[in-house]
Amino acid sequence: MEMNLKMYLQHHYGSLTACAEAIEVSRGTLHNYVTKDPEGVLKHTSRLMQNENIKPQDLINAVLTTQNQHV
């Protein structure tokens, strides 16, 4: 099963709040990425990559899955 962005970030950070803190954005900003603008999270790829379990292709796949769910 493909993970959408919300599931992917929760899987790797435990919660969206923890992810927001790790990439230094507000919870509201992260919520917007998850619900309205998934490609926006890619601006924070370098910070996300500090989590050794985050793989660039997996992150992109999660963004694409989320975009497809919004169509």
PDB file of N, CA and C in Angstrom:
ATOM      1  N   MET A   1       0.842  -1.190   0.000  1.00  0.00           N
ATOM      2  CA  MET A   1       0.000   0.000   0.000  1.00  0.00           C
ATOM      3  C   MET A   1       0.886   1.252   0.000  1.00  0.00           C
ATOM      4  N   GLU A   2       0.549   2.173  -0.871  1.00  0.00           N
ATOM      5  CA  GLU A   2       1.293   3.428  -0.927  1.00  0.00           C
ATOM      6  C   GLU A   2       0.835   4.340   0.197  1.00  0.00           C
ATOM      7  N   MET A   3       1.781   5.024   0.790  1.00  0.00           N
ATOM      8  CA  MET A   3       1.457   5.961   1.862  1.00  0.00           C
ATOM      9  C   MET A   3       1.301   7.357   1.287  1.00  0.00           C
ATOM     10  N   ASN A   4       0.282   8.056   1.766  1.00  0.00           N
ATOM     11  CA  ASN A   4       0.179   9.460   1.411  1.00  0.00           C
ATOM     12  C   ASN A   4       1.130  10.242   2.324  1.00  0.00           C
ATOM     13  N   LEU A   5       1.223  11.532   2.114  1.00  0.00           N
ATOM     14  CA  LEU A   5       2.189  12.348   2.850  1.00  0.00           C
ATOM     15  C   LEU A   5       1.943  12.317   4.353  1.00  0.00           C
ATOM     16  N   LYS A   6       0.704  12.431   4.757  1.00  0.00           N
ATOM     17  CA  LYS A   6       0.382  12.411   6.188  1.00  0.00           C
ATOM     18  C   LYS A   6       0.840  11.102   6.823  1.00  0.00           C
ATOM     19  N   MET A   7       0.481   9.989   6.202  1.00  0.00           N
ATOM     20  CA  MET A   7       0.867   8.681   6.735  1.00  0.00           C
ATOM     21  C   MET A   7       2.385   8.535   6.768  1.00  0.00           C
ATOM     22  N   TYR A   8       3.043   8.978   5.717  1.00  0.00           N
ATOM     23  CA  TYR A   8       4.495   8.856   5.609  1.00  0.00           C
ATOM     24  C   TYR A   8       5.197   9.639   6.722  1.00  0.00           C
ATOM     25  N   LEU A   9       4.788  10.879   6.927  1.00  0.00           N
ATOM     26  CA  LEU A   9       5.419  11.701   7.961  1.00  0.00           C
ATOM     27  C   LEU A   9       5.111  11.178   9.357  1.00  0.00           C
ATOM     28  N   GLN A  10       3.884  10.735   9.578  1.00  0.00           N
ATOM     29  CA  GLN A  10       3.546  10.158  10.877  1.00  0.00           C
ATOM     30  C   GLN A  10       4.348   8.884  11.140  1.00  0.00           C
ATOM     31  N   HIS A  11       4.546   8.101  10.110  1.00  0.00           N
ATOM     32  CA  HIS A  11       5.311   6.861  10.245  1.00  0.00           C
ATOM     33  C   HIS A  11       6.751   7.151  10.677  1.00  0.00           C
ATOM     34  N   HIS A  12       7.351   8.177  10.089  1.00  0.00           N
ATOM     35  CA  HIS A  12       8.760   8.468  10.350  1.00  0.00           C
ATOM     36  C   HIS A  12       9.006   9.376  11.554  1.00  0.00           C
ATOM     37  N   TYR A  13       8.003  10.155  11.944  1.00  0.00           N
ATOM     38  CA  TYR A  13       8.197  11.088  13.057  1.00  0.00           C
ATOM     39  C   TYR A  13       7.312  10.792  14.256  1.00  0.00           C
ATOM     40  N   GLY A  14       6.377   9.897  14.105  1.00  0.00           N
ATOM     41  CA  GLY A  14       5.485   9.565  15.203  1.00  0.00           C
ATOM     42  C   GLY A  14       4.251  10.440  15.243  1.00  0.00           C
ATOM     43  N   SER A  15       4.401  11.698  14.859  1.00  0.00           N
ATOM     44  CA  SER A  15       3.261  12.623  14.800  1.00  0.00           C
ATOM     45  C   SER A  15       3.614  13.771  13.860  1.00  0.00           C
ATOM     46  N   LEU A  16       2.586  14.453  13.397  1.00  0.00           N
ATOM     47  CA  LEU A  16       2.827  15.616  12.544  1.00  0.00           C
ATOM     48  C   LEU A  16       3.452  16.750  13.348  1.00  0.00           C
ATOM     49  N   THR A  17       3.105  16.846  14.617  1.00  0.00           N
ATOM     50  CA  THR A  17       3.693  17.876  15.470  1.00  0.00           C
ATOM     51  C   THR A  17       5.203  17.680  15.582  1.00  0.00           C
ATOM     52  N   ALA A  18       5.634  16.449  15.793  1.00  0.00           N
ATOM     53  CA  ALA A  18       7.069  16.152  15.887  1.00  0.00           C
ATOM     54  C   ALA A  18       7.768  16.457  14.563  1.00  0.00           C
ATOM     55  N   CYS A  19       7.115  16.150  13.460  1.00  0.00           N
ATOM     56  CA  CYS A  19       7.683  16.449  12.150  1.00  0.00           C
ATOM     57  C   CYS A  19       7.814  17.954  11.956  1.00  0.00           C
ATOM     58  N   ALA A  20       6.758  18.690  12.291  1.00  0.00           N
ATOM     59  CA  ALA A  20       6.797  20.157  12.149  1.00  0.00           C
ATOM     60  C   ALA A  20       7.958  20.743  12.959  1.00  0.00           C
ATOM     61  N   GLU A  21       8.143  20.257  14.164  1.00  0.00           N
ATOM     62  CA  GLU A  21       9.248  20.732  14.992  1.00  0.00           C
ATOM     63  C   GLU A  21      10.592  20.391  14.360  1.00  0.00           C
ATOM     64  N   ALA A  22      10.716  19.191  13.807  1.00  0.00           N
ATOM     65  CA  ALA A  22      11.976  18.745  13.216  1.00  0.00           C
ATOM     66  C   ALA A  22      12.370  19.576  11.996  1.00  0.00           C
ATOM     67  N   ILE A  23      11.384  19.978  11.207  1.00  0.00           N
ATOM     68  CA  ILE A  23      11.705  20.754   9.997  1.00  0.00           C
ATOM     69  C   ILE A  23      11.495  22.252  10.212  1.00  0.00           C
ATOM     70  N   GLU A  24      11.159  22.609  11.444  1.00  0.00           N
ATOM     71  CA  GLU A  24      11.046  24.006  11.868  1.00  0.00           C
ATOM     72  C   GLU A  24       9.999  24.796  11.092  1.00  0.00           C
ATOM     73  N   VAL A  25       8.803  24.217  11.029  1.00  0.00           N
ATOM     74  CA  VAL A  25       7.643  24.924  10.497  1.00  0.00           C
ATOM     75  C   VAL A  25       6.524  24.813  11.524  1.00  0.00           C
ATOM     76  N   SER A  26       5.521  25.649  11.381  1.00  0.00           N
ATOM     77  CA  SER A  26       4.383  25.562  12.305  1.00  0.00           C
ATOM     78  C   SER A  26       3.547  24.329  11.975  1.00  0.00           C
ATOM     79  N   ARG A  27       2.777  23.915  12.945  1.00  0.00           N
ATOM     80  CA  ARG A  27       1.871  22.773  12.739  1.00  0.00           C
ATOM     81  C   ARG A  27       0.879  23.114  11.630  1.00  0.00           C
ATOM     82  N   GLY A  28       0.452  24.370  11.575  1.00  0.00           N
ATOM     83  CA  GLY A  28      -0.477  24.814  10.535  1.00  0.00           C
ATOM     84  C   GLY A  28       0.110  24.714   9.137  1.00  0.00           C
ATOM     85  N   THR A  29       1.377  25.087   9.009  1.00  0.00           N
ATOM     86  CA  THR A  29       2.050  24.973   7.712  1.00  0.00           C
ATOM     87  C   THR A  29       2.116  23.524   7.276  1.00  0.00           C
ATOM     88  N   LEU A  30       2.491  22.649   8.183  1.00  0.00           N
ATOM     89  CA  LEU A  30       2.564  21.230   7.840  1.00  0.00           C
ATOM     90  C   LEU A  30       1.180  20.689   7.490  1.00  0.00           C
ATOM     91  N   HIS A  31       0.166  21.141   8.218  1.00  0.00           N
ATOM     92  CA  HIS A  31      -1.210  20.727   7.917  1.00  0.00           C
ATOM     93  C   HIS A  31      -1.583  21.143   6.488  1.00  0.00           C
ATOM     94  N   ASN A  32      -1.189  22.341   6.082  1.00  0.00           N
ATOM     95  CA  ASN A  32      -1.470  22.785   4.706  1.00  0.00           C
ATOM     96  C   ASN A  32      -0.779  21.899   3.684  1.00  0.00           C
ATOM     97  N   TYR A  33       0.458  21.495   3.981  1.00  0.00           N
ATOM     98  CA  TYR A  33       1.156  20.592   3.065  1.00  0.00           C
ATOM     99  C   TYR A  33       0.398  19.276   2.933  1.00  0.00           C
ATOM    100  N   VAL A  34      -0.066  18.767   4.042  1.00  0.00           N
ATOM    101  CA  VAL A  34      -0.734  17.463   4.058  1.00  0.00           C
ATOM    102  C   VAL A  34      -2.107  17.524   3.392  1.00  0.00           C
ATOM    103  N   THR A  35      -2.803  18.645   3.527  1.00  0.00           N
ATOM    104  CA  THR A  35      -4.179  18.708   3.041  1.00  0.00           C
ATOM    105  C   THR A  35      -4.377  19.474   1.733  1.00  0.00           C
ATOM    106  N   LYS A  36      -3.495  20.439   1.424  1.00  0.00           N
ATOM    107  CA  LYS A  36      -3.754  21.300   0.266  1.00  0.00           C
ATOM    108  C   LYS A  36      -2.593  21.413  -0.708  1.00  0.00           C
ATOM    109  N   ASP A  37      -1.371  21.398  -0.201  1.00  0.00           N
ATOM    110  CA  ASP A  37      -0.204  21.713  -1.017  1.00  0.00           C
ATOM    111  C   ASP A  37       0.934  20.727  -0.729  1.00  0.00           C
ATOM    112  N   PRO A  38       0.744  19.446  -1.086  1.00  0.00           N
ATOM    113  CA  PRO A  38       1.737  18.446  -0.703  1.00  0.00           C
ATOM    114  C   PRO A  38       3.139  18.715  -1.252  1.00  0.00           C
ATOM    115  N   GLU A  39       3.227  19.300  -2.441  1.00  0.00           N
ATOM    116  CA  GLU A  39       4.561  19.559  -2.987  1.00  0.00           C
ATOM    117  C   GLU A  39       5.310  20.632  -2.204  1.00  0.00           C
ATOM    118  N   GLY A  40       4.602  21.413  -1.405  1.00  0.00           N
ATOM    119  CA  GLY A  40       5.241  22.436  -0.573  1.00  0.00           C
ATOM    120  C   GLY A  40       6.235  21.848   0.415  1.00  0.00           C
ATOM    121  N   VAL A  41       5.995  20.630   0.871  1.00  0.00           N
ATOM    122  CA  VAL A  41       6.899  19.999   1.834  1.00  0.00           C
ATOM    123  C   VAL A  41       8.279  19.758   1.224  1.00  0.00           C
ATOM    124  N   LEU A  42       8.351  19.699  -0.089  1.00  0.00           N
ATOM    125  CA  LEU A  42       9.632  19.443  -0.745  1.00  0.00           C
ATOM    126  C   LEU A  42      10.625  20.587  -0.523  1.00  0.00           C
ATOM    127  N   LYS A  43      10.142  21.764  -0.153  1.00  0.00           N
ATOM    128  CA  LYS A  43      11.041  22.879   0.196  1.00  0.00           C
ATOM    129  C   LYS A  43      11.891  22.524   1.404  1.00  0.00           C
ATOM    130  N   HIS A  44      11.464  21.554   2.159  1.00  0.00           N
ATOM    131  CA  HIS A  44      12.135  21.178   3.407  1.00  0.00           C
ATOM    132  C   HIS A  44      12.862  19.834   3.284  1.00  0.00           C
ATOM    133  N   THR A  45      13.130  19.431   2.063  1.00  0.00           N
ATOM    134  CA  THR A  45      13.756  18.125   1.834  1.00  0.00           C
ATOM    135  C   THR A  45      15.067  17.979   2.599  1.00  0.00           C
ATOM    136  N   SER A  46      15.893  19.007   2.607  1.00  0.00           N
ATOM    137  CA  SER A  46      17.186  18.879   3.293  1.00  0.00           C
ATOM    138  C   SER A  46      16.997  18.614   4.786  1.00  0.00           C
ATOM    139  N   ARG A  47      16.022  19.256   5.405  1.00  0.00           N
ATOM    140  CA  ARG A  47      15.756  19.002   6.825  1.00  0.00           C
ATOM    141  C   ARG A  47      15.145  17.615   7.024  1.00  0.00           C
ATOM    142  N   LEU A  48      14.255  17.233   6.131  1.00  0.00           N
ATOM    143  CA  LEU A  48      13.645  15.908   6.230  1.00  0.00           C
ATOM    144  C   LEU A  48      14.695  14.812   6.070  1.00  0.00           C
ATOM    145  N   MET A  49      15.691  15.052   5.242  1.00  0.00           N
ATOM    146  CA  MET A  49      16.729  14.053   4.996  1.00  0.00           C
ATOM    147  C   MET A  49      17.622  13.849   6.220  1.00  0.00           C
ATOM    148  N   GLN A  50      17.530  14.719   7.208  1.00  0.00           N
ATOM    149  CA  GLN A  50      18.289  14.524   8.439  1.00  0.00           C
ATOM    150  C   GLN A  50      17.768  13.307   9.212  1.00  0.00           C
ATOM    151  N   ASN A  51      16.527  12.911   8.931  1.00  0.00           N
ATOM    152  CA  ASN A  51      15.988  11.661   9.464  1.00  0.00           C
ATOM    153  C   ASN A  51      16.510  10.561   8.551  1.00  0.00           C
ATOM    154  N   GLU A  52      17.380   9.714   9.061  1.00  0.00           N
ATOM    155  CA  GLU A  52      18.061   8.728   8.217  1.00  0.00           C
ATOM    156  C   GLU A  52      17.128   7.751   7.525  1.00  0.00           C
ATOM    157  N   ASN A  53      15.884   7.654   7.973  1.00  0.00           N
ATOM    158  CA  ASN A  53      14.929   6.727   7.359  1.00  0.00           C
ATOM    159  C   ASN A  53      14.166   7.335   6.190  1.00  0.00           C
ATOM    160  N   ILE A  54      14.304   8.647   5.992  1.00  0.00           N
ATOM    161  CA  ILE A  54      13.608   9.321   4.895  1.00  0.00           C
ATOM    162  C   ILE A  54      14.441   9.146   3.622  1.00  0.00           C
ATOM    163  N   LYS A  55      13.825   8.578   2.621  1.00  0.00           N
ATOM    164  CA  LYS A  55      14.468   8.393   1.323  1.00  0.00           C
ATOM    165  C   LYS A  55      13.804   9.351   0.331  1.00  0.00           C
ATOM    166  N   PRO A  56      14.596  10.066  -0.482  1.00  0.00           N
ATOM    167  CA  PRO A  56      14.012  11.062  -1.394  1.00  0.00           C
ATOM    168  C   PRO A  56      12.900  10.496  -2.272  1.00  0.00           C
ATOM    169  N   GLN A  57      13.111   9.333  -2.854  1.00  0.00           N
ATOM    170  CA  GLN A  57      12.098   8.779  -3.745  1.00  0.00           C
ATOM    171  C   GLN A  57      10.820   8.422  -3.000  1.00  0.00           C
ATOM    172  N   ASP A  58      10.956   7.934  -1.770  1.00  0.00           N
ATOM    173  CA  ASP A  58       9.776   7.611  -0.969  1.00  0.00           C
ATOM    174  C   ASP A  58       8.995   8.876  -0.612  1.00  0.00           C
ATOM    175  N   LEU A  59       9.713   9.955  -0.307  1.00  0.00           N
ATOM    176  CA  LEU A  59       9.061  11.228  -0.008  1.00  0.00           C
ATOM    177  C   LEU A  59       8.286  11.728  -1.236  1.00  0.00           C
ATOM    178  N   ILE A  60       8.929  11.669  -2.385  1.00  0.00           N
ATOM    179  CA  ILE A  60       8.267  12.105  -3.623  1.00  0.00           C
ATOM    180  C   ILE A  60       7.049  11.237  -3.910  1.00  0.00           C
ATOM    181  N   ASN A  61       7.168   9.936  -3.706  1.00  0.00           N
ATOM    182  CA  ASN A  61       6.016   9.050  -3.918  1.00  0.00           C
ATOM    183  C   ASN A  61       4.860   9.399  -2.987  1.00  0.00           C
ATOM    184  N   ALA A  62       5.170   9.752  -1.738  1.00  0.00           N
ATOM    185  CA  ALA A  62       4.126  10.142  -0.782  1.00  0.00           C
ATOM    186  C   ALA A  62       3.447  11.433  -1.235  1.00  0.00           C
ATOM    187  N   VAL A  63       4.243  12.371  -1.748  1.00  0.00           N
ATOM    188  CA  VAL A  63       3.679  13.626  -2.264  1.00  0.00           C
ATOM    189  C   VAL A  63       2.774  13.335  -3.457  1.00  0.00           C
ATOM    190  N   LEU A  64       3.237  12.503  -4.375  1.00  0.00           N
ATOM    191  CA  LEU A  64       2.429  12.168  -5.556  1.00  0.00           C
ATOM    192  C   LEU A  64       1.155  11.432  -5.187  1.00  0.00           C
ATOM    193  N   THR A  65       1.238  10.530  -4.229  1.00  0.00           N
ATOM    194  CA  THR A  65       0.047   9.815  -3.765  1.00  0.00           C
ATOM    195  C   THR A  65      -0.974  10.791  -3.205  1.00  0.00           C
ATOM    196  N   THR A  66      -0.496  11.760  -2.426  1.00  0.00           N
ATOM    197  CA  THR A  66      -1.385  12.764  -1.851  1.00  0.00           C
ATOM    198  C   THR A  66      -2.014  13.614  -2.954  1.00  0.00           C
ATOM    199  N   GLN A  67      -1.220  14.023  -3.931  1.00  0.00           N
ATOM    200  CA  GLN A  67      -1.765  14.810  -5.041  1.00  0.00           C
ATOM    201  C   GLN A  67      -2.851  14.032  -5.768  1.00  0.00           C
ATOM    202  N   ASN A  68      -2.621  12.754  -5.999  1.00  0.00           N
ATOM    203  CA  ASN A  68      -3.618  11.920  -6.697  1.00  0.00           C
ATOM    204  C   ASN A  68      -4.895  11.767  -5.880  1.00  0.00           C
ATOM    205  N   GLN A  69      -4.785  11.788  -4.549  1.00  0.00           N
ATOM    206  CA  GLN A  69      -5.963  11.683  -3.697  1.00  0.00           C
ATOM    207  C   GLN A  69      -6.787  12.975  -3.744  1.00  0.00           C
ATOM    208  N   HIS A  70      -6.142  14.079  -4.064  1.00  0.00           N
ATOM    209  CA  HIS A  70      -6.842  15.372  -4.100  1.00  0.00           C
ATOM    210  C   HIS A  70      -7.532  15.623  -5.433  1.00  0.00           C
ATOM    211  N   VAL A  71      -7.246  14.800  -6.422  1.00  0.00           N
ATOM    212  CA  VAL A  71      -7.816  15.000  -7.763  1.00  0.00           C
ATOM    213  C   VAL A  71      -9.234  14.507  -7.811  1.00  0.00           C
TER     214      VAL A  71
END
